[in-house]
Amino acid sequence: GLTFAESAYQSQIALSWMVTFVGDPLYRPFPRNFYENLDAAQNAKSANLPWLRLRKARLLANSGSISETRIAINLLLEDFPKNKIIMEGCGDIYRDLNERKDAAQLYEEELDLLGEKEGSDRLRLLMKLAEVFRRDDKTKAALDTYEKIAQEFPEANRGTGMGDRALSFASGEGISDLPPALLAYKNAVEEAQLAAAVAKAAAQPPVQIKPEATAADQAAVLKAAGA
């Protein structure tokens, strides 16, 4: 078979350098390499500097330079303290490097900074924190975080699947004594499943029960067979 590009170009009546099928060949989002952009942002004290330095830390992490990554993150957090996006981004880098203690610390520090109106950010961080605790085999901390999610964001139990994930985690850890919010969710799920089963059974057509043959019926059959 032909490649995507070959098939696309052969479908055209005529060829033109202006034809493009995926993206724009003239668009250059990064006319300079990353480090040139970083140097320019530092010299100009650009507002984009925090994000460029966060990207540098990510690039260092991707290259496997753990010690250099840690230095870059420490400087970043020192130069831009209490920047919630930077804190979460650095936490994500630590999480991906399996530096779970550092990741959890940054997530928890950012949670302390979030206001009541930042519900979606809070939910996202709690979900990340629960996952970090699970991966770090901190069963109680993970279950406590799932319970906090169930208390603060009950709609997320079904909407994001967190409730089922929490119940699966508890079952896998052999935990039967669930905290209140998770127990309420489990009971609600079981009640909904029972109601669905009852409704399904009620929707089935009635079973036709054949009456048992009487002695007279059996005698008639034998008589007909003898005839």
Protein backbone atom coordinates (compact mmCIF):
# COMPACT_ATOMS: atom_id res chain seq x y z
CA GLY A 1 0.00 0.00 0.00
CA LEU A 2 0.89 3.64 -0.32
CA THR A 3 1.83 5.92 2.52
CA PHE A 4 -0.54 8.62 3.72
CA ALA A 5 1.35 11.34 1.84
CA GLU A 6 1.57 9.30 -1.38
CA SER A 7 -2.12 8.49 -1.31
CA ALA A 8 -3.04 12.10 -0.59
CA TYR A 9 -0.94 13.54 -3.40
CA GLN A 10 -2.09 10.93 -5.93
CA SER A 11 -5.69 11.90 -5.20
CA GLN A 12 -5.04 15.44 -6.50
CA ILE A 13 -5.67 16.48 -10.11
CA ALA A 14 -2.51 18.56 -10.14
CA LEU A 15 0.49 19.02 -7.87
CA SER A 16 1.32 22.31 -6.23
CA TRP A 17 3.86 23.42 -3.66
CA MET A 18 1.01 25.21 -1.87
CA VAL A 19 -0.91 21.99 -1.15
CA THR A 20 -0.61 20.65 2.38
CA PHE A 21 -2.57 17.91 4.11
CA VAL A 22 -1.34 18.02 7.69
CA GLY A 23 -0.28 21.32 9.24
CA ASP A 24 1.25 24.31 7.51
CA PRO A 25 4.74 23.81 6.05
CA LEU A 26 5.42 27.56 6.26
CA TYR A 27 4.53 27.84 9.96
CA ARG A 28 7.58 28.06 12.22
CA PRO A 29 6.44 28.11 15.85
CA PHE A 30 10.04 28.02 17.11
CA PRO A 31 12.27 29.97 14.70
CA ARG A 32 15.05 29.80 17.32
CA ASN A 33 16.07 26.80 19.34
CA PHE A 34 14.88 26.49 22.91
CA TYR A 35 18.03 27.73 24.63
CA GLU A 36 18.17 30.83 22.42
CA ASN A 37 14.60 31.59 23.46
CA LEU A 38 15.52 31.02 27.10
CA ASP A 39 18.52 33.37 26.91
CA ALA A 40 16.42 36.04 25.19
CA ALA A 41 13.70 35.74 27.84
CA GLN A 42 16.26 36.05 30.64
CA ASN A 43 17.85 39.15 29.09
CA ALA A 44 14.45 40.77 28.49
CA LYS A 45 13.04 39.62 31.83
CA SER A 46 10.11 38.23 29.89
CA ALA A 47 6.89 37.13 31.58
CA ASN A 48 7.40 33.79 29.83
CA LEU A 49 10.62 33.12 31.72
CA PRO A 50 9.05 30.87 34.43
CA TRP A 51 7.49 28.58 31.82
CA LEU A 52 10.69 28.41 29.78
CA ARG A 53 12.68 27.48 32.85
CA LEU A 54 10.08 24.86 33.75
CA ARG A 55 10.48 23.43 30.27
CA LYS A 56 14.25 23.37 30.79
CA ALA A 57 13.75 21.32 33.95
CA ARG A 58 11.51 18.94 32.00
CA LEU A 59 14.12 18.58 29.25
CA LEU A 60 16.79 17.81 31.83
CA ALA A 61 14.52 15.20 33.41
CA ASN A 62 13.82 13.61 30.04
CA SER A 63 17.55 13.39 29.36
CA GLY A 64 18.08 11.50 32.62
CA SER A 65 20.06 14.24 34.38
CA ILE A 66 18.49 13.75 37.80
CA SER A 67 20.91 15.90 39.80
CA GLU A 68 20.76 18.74 37.27
CA THR A 69 16.98 18.47 37.22
CA ARG A 70 16.81 18.80 40.98
CA ILE A 71 19.09 21.86 40.90
CA ALA A 72 16.96 23.47 38.17
CA ILE A 73 13.76 22.80 40.12
CA ASN A 74 15.18 24.15 43.38
CA LEU A 75 16.27 27.37 41.66
CA LEU A 76 12.93 27.65 39.91
CA LEU A 77 10.97 27.31 43.15
CA GLU A 78 13.32 29.76 44.86
CA ASP A 79 12.98 32.41 42.13
CA PHE A 80 9.21 32.01 41.70
CA PRO A 81 7.87 31.08 45.15
CA LYS A 82 4.20 30.22 45.56
CA ASN A 83 3.67 30.11 41.80
CA LYS A 84 1.03 27.40 41.66
CA ILE A 85 1.62 26.42 38.05
CA ILE A 86 5.35 26.11 38.64
CA MET A 87 4.80 24.09 41.82
CA GLU A 88 2.49 21.64 40.08
CA GLY A 89 4.77 21.39 37.05
CA CYS A 90 7.77 20.62 39.26
CA GLY A 91 5.66 18.10 41.18
CA ASP A 92 4.76 16.40 37.90
CA ILE A 93 8.43 16.17 36.96
CA TYR A 94 9.29 14.58 40.31
CA ARG A 95 6.34 12.18 39.94
CA ASP A 96 7.52 11.07 36.50
CA LEU A 97 11.02 10.53 37.92
CA ASN A 98 9.51 8.37 40.71
CA GLU A 99 10.68 10.93 43.27
CA ARG A 100 7.32 10.46 44.96
CA LYS A 101 8.12 12.10 48.30
CA ASP A 102 9.14 15.36 46.60
CA ALA A 103 6.13 15.21 44.29
CA ALA A 104 3.70 14.72 47.18
CA GLN A 105 5.28 17.58 49.12
CA LEU A 106 4.83 20.03 46.23
CA TYR A 107 1.25 18.91 45.58
CA GLU A 108 0.38 19.34 49.26
CA GLU A 109 2.03 22.77 49.41
CA GLU A 110 0.03 23.90 46.39
CA LEU A 111 -3.19 22.55 47.90
CA ASP A 112 -2.57 24.80 50.90
CA LEU A 113 -2.36 27.80 48.55
CA LEU A 114 -5.54 27.10 46.60
CA GLY A 115 -8.69 29.04 47.41
CA GLU A 116 -12.23 27.70 47.74
CA LYS A 117 -13.15 28.89 44.23
CA GLU A 118 -10.37 26.88 42.61
CA GLY A 119 -12.28 23.61 42.86
CA SER A 120 -11.13 22.09 39.58
CA ASP A 121 -7.48 22.73 40.44
CA ARG A 122 -7.97 21.26 43.88
CA LEU A 123 -9.65 18.15 42.50
CA ARG A 124 -6.88 17.62 39.95
CA LEU A 125 -4.18 17.89 42.62
CA LEU A 126 -5.98 15.54 44.99
CA MET A 127 -6.26 12.98 42.19
CA LYS A 128 -2.53 13.27 41.49
CA LEU A 129 -1.74 13.05 45.18
CA ALA A 130 -3.82 9.90 45.61
CA GLU A 131 -1.99 8.28 42.70
CA VAL A 132 1.41 9.22 44.15
CA PHE A 133 0.49 7.72 47.52
CA ARG A 134 -0.70 4.53 45.80
CA ARG A 135 2.54 4.18 43.87
CA ASP A 136 4.50 4.81 47.08
CA ASP A 137 2.53 2.06 48.92
CA LYS A 138 1.16 4.57 51.41
CA THR A 139 -2.19 2.85 51.81
CA LYS A 140 -3.65 4.99 54.59
CA ALA A 141 -2.61 8.26 52.97
CA ALA A 142 -4.06 7.15 49.62
CA LEU A 143 -7.36 6.08 51.19
CA ASP A 144 -7.56 9.32 53.19
CA THR A 145 -7.06 11.28 49.97
CA TYR A 146 -9.77 9.29 48.18
CA GLU A 147 -12.08 9.99 51.13
CA LYS A 148 -11.29 13.70 50.92
CA ILE A 149 -12.17 13.66 47.21
CA ALA A 150 -15.44 11.85 47.96
CA GLN A 151 -16.31 14.41 50.64
CA GLU A 152 -15.41 17.56 48.73
CA PHE A 153 -16.32 16.45 45.21
CA PRO A 154 -19.02 13.74 45.39
CA GLU A 155 -19.92 14.32 41.74
CA ALA A 156 -16.36 13.34 40.78
CA ASN A 157 -16.88 9.81 42.09
CA ARG A 158 -18.90 8.95 39.00
CA GLY A 159 -17.79 11.71 36.64
CA THR A 160 -14.11 10.81 36.80
CA GLY A 161 -14.37 7.21 37.97
CA MET A 162 -12.54 8.07 41.18
CA GLY A 163 -15.15 6.36 43.35
CA ASP A 164 -14.75 3.04 41.55
CA ARG A 165 -10.98 3.45 41.56
CA ALA A 166 -11.02 4.06 45.30
CA LEU A 167 -13.22 1.01 45.95
CA SER A 168 -11.00 -1.14 43.74
CA PHE A 169 -7.94 0.09 45.63
CA ALA A 170 -9.54 -0.64 49.01
CA SER A 171 -10.59 -4.11 47.86
CA GLY A 172 -7.10 -4.87 46.55
CA GLU A 173 -5.61 -3.82 49.89
CA GLY A 174 -8.11 -5.98 51.80
CA ILE A 175 -9.81 -2.96 53.40
CA SER A 176 -13.45 -3.64 54.27
CA ASP A 177 -13.96 -0.90 56.86
CA LEU A 178 -14.43 2.07 54.53
CA PRO A 179 -14.56 5.70 55.67
CA PRO A 180 -18.03 7.38 55.61
CA ALA A 181 -18.05 9.09 52.20
CA LEU A 182 -16.64 6.08 50.33
CA LEU A 183 -19.00 3.75 52.18
CA ALA A 184 -21.94 5.93 51.14
CA TYR A 185 -20.76 5.81 47.54
CA LYS A 186 -20.39 2.02 47.66
CA ASN A 187 -23.93 1.64 49.06
CA ALA A 188 -25.30 3.96 46.37
CA VAL A 189 -23.59 1.94 43.64
CA GLU A 190 -24.95 -1.35 45.00
CA GLU A 191 -28.47 0.10 45.29
CA ALA A 192 -28.30 1.36 41.70
CA GLN A 193 -27.10 -2.04 40.47
CA LEU A 194 -29.93 -3.78 42.33
CA ALA A 195 -32.52 -1.36 40.95
CA ALA A 196 -31.18 -1.90 37.42
CA ALA A 197 -31.38 -5.68 37.84
CA VAL A 198 -34.98 -5.47 39.11
CA ALA A 199 -35.96 -3.18 36.23
CA LYS A 200 -34.35 -5.53 33.72
CA ALA A 201 -36.18 -8.52 35.18
CA ALA A 202 -39.49 -6.64 35.13
CA ALA A 203 -39.02 -5.80 31.46
CA GLN A 204 -38.66 -9.46 30.46
CA PRO A 205 -41.77 -11.14 28.96
CA PRO A 206 -43.57 -13.54 31.33
CA VAL A 207 -42.44 -17.14 31.15
CA GLN A 208 -45.02 -19.49 29.64
CA ILE A 209 -45.43 -22.41 32.03
CA LYS A 210 -46.77 -25.57 30.40
CA PRO A 211 -49.34 -27.41 32.54
CA GLU A 212 -48.39 -30.90 33.64
CA ALA A 213 -50.12 -33.74 31.81
CA THR A 214 -53.00 -35.31 33.74
CA ALA A 215 -53.73 -39.04 33.95
CA ALA A 216 -56.53 -38.64 31.40
CA ASP A 217 -54.12 -36.94 28.99
CA GLN A 218 -51.63 -39.76 29.36
CA ALA A 219 -54.37 -42.37 28.75
CA ALA A 220 -55.48 -40.56 25.60
CA VAL A 221 -51.92 -40.53 24.29
CA LEU A 222 -51.49 -44.27 24.95
CA LYS A 223 -54.82 -45.01 23.28
CA ALA A 224 -53.86 -43.01 20.20
CA ALA A 225 -50.51 -44.77 20.04
CA GLY A 226 -52.19 -48.17 20.24
CA ALA A 227 -54.59 -47.23 17.46
